[in-house]
């Protein structure tokens, strides 16, 4: 069974996050895009990405914000 999780990495030249499909193509993530973030151990978090001074995700009913780290690779389903 093929994993639905894809790598999301920050592209400094484009100043945006890119989700890689595995065939050397990617999707440039835009403000307002929703996706599932893989937390490990079968857990996932539904979130929306936004841009202020830095990129961050918003989760939950209270719109809790978490900043993304450009040097990290995240596993997502978009």
N, C-alpha and C. Protein backbone atom coordinates (compact mmCIF):
# COMPACT_ATOMS: atom_id res chain seq x y z
N UNK A 1 0.83 -1.19 0.00
CA UNK A 1 0.00 0.00 0.00
C UNK A 1 0.88 1.25 0.00
N UNK A 2 0.59 2.16 -0.90
CA UNK A 2 1.38 3.37 -1.04
C UNK A 2 0.99 4.39 0.04
N UNK A 3 1.98 5.02 0.63
CA UNK A 3 1.74 6.01 1.68
C UNK A 3 1.12 7.27 1.09
N UNK A 4 0.17 7.84 1.81
CA UNK A 4 -0.43 9.08 1.37
C UNK A 4 0.37 10.29 1.83
N UNK A 5 1.36 10.06 2.69
CA UNK A 5 2.17 11.17 3.21
C UNK A 5 3.24 11.58 2.21
N UNK A 6 3.33 12.87 1.97
CA UNK A 6 4.31 13.43 1.04
C UNK A 6 5.20 14.41 1.79
N UNK A 7 6.42 14.58 1.32
CA UNK A 7 7.36 15.53 1.92
C UNK A 7 6.96 16.96 1.57
N UNK A 8 6.97 17.82 2.57
CA UNK A 8 6.77 19.25 2.35
C UNK A 8 8.03 19.95 2.86
N UNK A 9 8.70 20.66 1.94
CA UNK A 9 9.96 21.33 2.26
C UNK A 9 9.87 22.79 1.86
N UNK A 10 10.63 23.61 2.59
CA UNK A 10 10.68 25.03 2.29
C UNK A 10 11.65 25.28 1.14
N UNK A 11 11.22 26.09 0.17
CA UNK A 11 12.08 26.47 -0.94
C UNK A 11 12.44 27.95 -0.77
N UNK A 12 13.68 28.20 -0.42
CA UNK A 12 14.13 29.56 -0.13
C UNK A 12 14.05 30.46 -1.36
N UNK A 13 14.36 29.94 -2.54
CA UNK A 13 14.31 30.75 -3.76
C UNK A 13 12.90 31.23 -4.08
N UNK A 14 11.92 30.35 -3.85
CA UNK A 14 10.52 30.70 -4.12
C UNK A 14 9.84 31.34 -2.91
N UNK A 15 10.49 31.26 -1.74
CA UNK A 15 9.94 31.75 -0.48
C UNK A 15 8.57 31.13 -0.19
N UNK A 16 8.50 29.81 -0.38
CA UNK A 16 7.25 29.10 -0.08
C UNK A 16 7.56 27.63 0.22
N UNK A 17 6.54 26.94 0.71
CA UNK A 17 6.63 25.51 0.99
C UNK A 17 6.16 24.75 -0.23
N UNK A 18 6.82 23.63 -0.51
CA UNK A 18 6.50 22.81 -1.68
C UNK A 18 6.26 21.37 -1.21
N UNK A 19 5.14 20.79 -1.67
CA UNK A 19 4.85 19.38 -1.41
C UNK A 19 5.31 18.59 -2.63
N UNK A 20 6.15 17.59 -2.40
CA UNK A 20 6.72 16.80 -3.48
C UNK A 20 5.91 15.52 -3.67
N UNK A 21 5.50 15.26 -4.91
CA UNK A 21 4.67 14.10 -5.24
C UNK A 21 5.48 12.83 -5.38
N UNK A 22 6.79 12.91 -5.45
CA UNK A 22 7.62 11.71 -5.55
C UNK A 22 8.12 11.46 -6.96
N UNK A 23 7.61 12.16 -7.94
CA UNK A 23 8.06 12.00 -9.33
C UNK A 23 8.78 13.26 -9.80
N UNK A 24 9.42 13.94 -8.85
CA UNK A 24 10.18 15.18 -9.11
C UNK A 24 9.30 16.37 -9.46
N UNK A 25 8.00 16.26 -9.20
CA UNK A 25 7.11 17.40 -9.36
C UNK A 25 6.64 17.82 -7.98
N UNK A 26 6.15 19.02 -7.90
CA UNK A 26 5.70 19.51 -6.61
C UNK A 26 4.56 20.49 -6.73
N UNK A 27 3.97 20.78 -5.59
CA UNK A 27 2.87 21.73 -5.49
C UNK A 27 3.29 22.85 -4.55
N UNK A 28 3.24 24.10 -5.04
CA UNK A 28 3.58 25.24 -4.19
C UNK A 28 2.38 25.53 -3.28
N UNK A 29 2.61 25.38 -2.00
CA UNK A 29 1.55 25.60 -1.02
C UNK A 29 1.28 27.10 -0.92
N UNK A 30 -0.01 27.47 -0.87
CA UNK A 30 -0.41 28.87 -0.80
C UNK A 30 -1.14 29.15 0.50
N UNK A 31 -1.19 30.41 0.88
CA UNK A 31 -1.93 30.81 2.07
C UNK A 31 -3.36 30.30 1.98
N UNK A 32 -3.84 29.77 3.08
CA UNK A 32 -5.21 29.28 3.14
C UNK A 32 -5.36 27.81 2.78
N UNK A 33 -4.31 27.17 2.27
CA UNK A 33 -4.39 25.73 1.93
C UNK A 33 -4.54 24.91 3.20
N UNK A 34 -5.44 23.92 3.15
CA UNK A 34 -5.65 22.98 4.25
C UNK A 34 -4.94 21.68 3.94
N UNK A 35 -4.39 21.02 4.96
CA UNK A 35 -3.78 19.71 4.79
C UNK A 35 -3.72 19.00 6.12
N UNK A 36 -3.40 17.71 6.06
CA UNK A 36 -3.18 16.91 7.27
C UNK A 36 -1.68 16.85 7.49
N UNK A 37 -1.26 17.13 8.71
CA UNK A 37 0.15 17.08 9.09
C UNK A 37 0.38 15.80 9.88
N UNK A 38 1.33 14.99 9.44
CA UNK A 38 1.64 13.72 10.11
C UNK A 38 2.46 13.99 11.36
N UNK A 39 1.95 13.53 12.51
CA UNK A 39 2.64 13.74 13.78
C UNK A 39 3.40 12.51 14.23
N UNK A 40 3.23 11.39 13.54
CA UNK A 40 3.87 10.14 13.93
C UNK A 40 2.93 9.26 14.71
N UNK A 41 3.25 7.98 14.78
CA UNK A 41 2.48 7.00 15.54
C UNK A 41 1.01 7.00 15.12
N UNK A 42 0.75 7.20 13.83
CA UNK A 42 -0.62 7.18 13.31
C UNK A 42 -1.44 8.43 13.62
N UNK A 43 -0.82 9.41 14.19
CA UNK A 43 -1.55 10.65 14.53
C UNK A 43 -1.37 11.70 13.44
N UNK A 44 -2.44 12.47 13.25
CA UNK A 44 -2.39 13.54 12.25
C UNK A 44 -3.13 14.75 12.79
N UNK A 45 -2.84 15.89 12.20
CA UNK A 45 -3.41 17.15 12.64
C UNK A 45 -3.91 17.89 11.41
N UNK A 46 -5.18 18.24 11.39
CA UNK A 46 -5.74 19.03 10.30
C UNK A 46 -5.37 20.48 10.54
N UNK A 47 -4.79 21.13 9.53
CA UNK A 47 -4.32 22.50 9.71
C UNK A 47 -4.41 23.31 8.43
N UNK A 48 -4.27 24.61 8.58
CA UNK A 48 -4.27 25.56 7.47
C UNK A 48 -2.96 26.34 7.54
N UNK A 49 -2.36 26.61 6.40
CA UNK A 49 -1.09 27.35 6.37
C UNK A 49 -1.35 28.82 6.03
N UNK A 50 -0.61 29.69 6.70
CA UNK A 50 -0.71 31.13 6.47
C UNK A 50 0.69 31.74 6.51
N UNK A 51 0.78 32.97 6.03
CA UNK A 51 2.05 33.68 6.01
C UNK A 51 1.87 35.05 6.66
N UNK A 52 2.69 35.31 7.67
CA UNK A 52 2.79 36.63 8.28
C UNK A 52 4.20 37.09 7.97
N UNK A 53 4.98 37.32 8.99
CA UNK A 53 6.41 37.55 8.77
C UNK A 53 7.10 36.25 8.42
N UNK A 54 6.54 35.14 8.94
CA UNK A 54 7.03 33.78 8.66
C UNK A 54 5.82 32.88 8.40
N UNK A 55 6.09 31.70 7.82
CA UNK A 55 5.03 30.74 7.57
C UNK A 55 4.62 30.05 8.87
N UNK A 56 3.32 29.84 9.04
CA UNK A 56 2.81 29.16 10.23
C UNK A 56 1.55 28.37 9.87
N UNK A 57 1.18 27.44 10.74
CA UNK A 57 -0.06 26.70 10.56
C UNK A 57 -1.04 27.09 11.66
N UNK A 58 -2.31 26.97 11.35
CA UNK A 58 -3.38 27.26 12.30
C UNK A 58 -4.16 25.96 12.51
N UNK A 59 -4.40 25.62 13.78
CA UNK A 59 -5.13 24.39 14.12
C UNK A 59 -6.18 24.68 15.18
N UNK A 60 -7.19 23.84 15.20
CA UNK A 60 -8.19 23.86 16.27
C UNK A 60 -9.20 24.98 16.19
N UNK A 61 -10.18 24.88 17.08
CA UNK A 61 -11.28 25.86 17.13
C UNK A 61 -10.81 27.23 17.60
N UNK A 62 -9.73 27.26 18.34
CA UNK A 62 -9.21 28.54 18.86
C UNK A 62 -8.15 29.15 17.96
N UNK A 63 -7.97 28.58 16.78
CA UNK A 63 -6.97 29.08 15.82
C UNK A 63 -5.58 29.19 16.43
N UNK A 64 -5.14 28.11 17.07
CA UNK A 64 -3.80 28.06 17.64
C UNK A 64 -2.77 28.07 16.53
N UNK A 65 -1.72 28.87 16.68
CA UNK A 65 -0.69 29.03 15.64
C UNK A 65 0.60 28.34 16.04
N UNK A 66 1.20 27.66 15.06
CA UNK A 66 2.52 27.05 15.21
C UNK A 66 3.36 27.47 14.01
N UNK A 67 4.54 27.98 14.30
CA UNK A 67 5.43 28.39 13.21
C UNK A 67 6.16 27.19 12.64
N UNK A 68 6.32 27.17 11.32
CA UNK A 68 7.06 26.10 10.64
C UNK A 68 8.53 26.48 10.59
N UNK A 69 9.38 25.47 10.71
CA UNK A 69 10.83 25.70 10.66
C UNK A 69 11.33 25.41 9.25
N UNK A 70 11.89 26.40 8.57
CA UNK A 70 12.33 26.22 7.18
C UNK A 70 13.35 25.10 6.98
N UNK A 71 14.11 24.72 7.99
CA UNK A 71 15.11 23.67 7.80
C UNK A 71 14.55 22.27 8.07
N UNK A 72 13.25 22.16 8.35
CA UNK A 72 12.61 20.87 8.61
C UNK A 72 11.85 20.38 7.39
N UNK A 73 11.66 19.07 7.31
CA UNK A 73 10.80 18.45 6.31
C UNK A 73 9.60 17.90 7.05
N UNK A 74 8.41 18.24 6.57
CA UNK A 74 7.17 17.79 7.20
C UNK A 74 6.48 16.78 6.29
N UNK A 75 5.78 15.84 6.90
CA UNK A 75 4.99 14.85 6.16
C UNK A 75 3.54 15.32 6.14
N UNK A 76 2.97 15.47 4.94
CA UNK A 76 1.61 15.99 4.82
C UNK A 76 0.80 15.18 3.83
N UNK A 77 -0.51 15.33 3.95
CA UNK A 77 -1.47 14.81 2.95
C UNK A 77 -2.31 16.00 2.55
N UNK A 78 -2.15 16.42 1.30
CA UNK A 78 -2.85 17.61 0.80
C UNK A 78 -3.76 17.25 -0.35
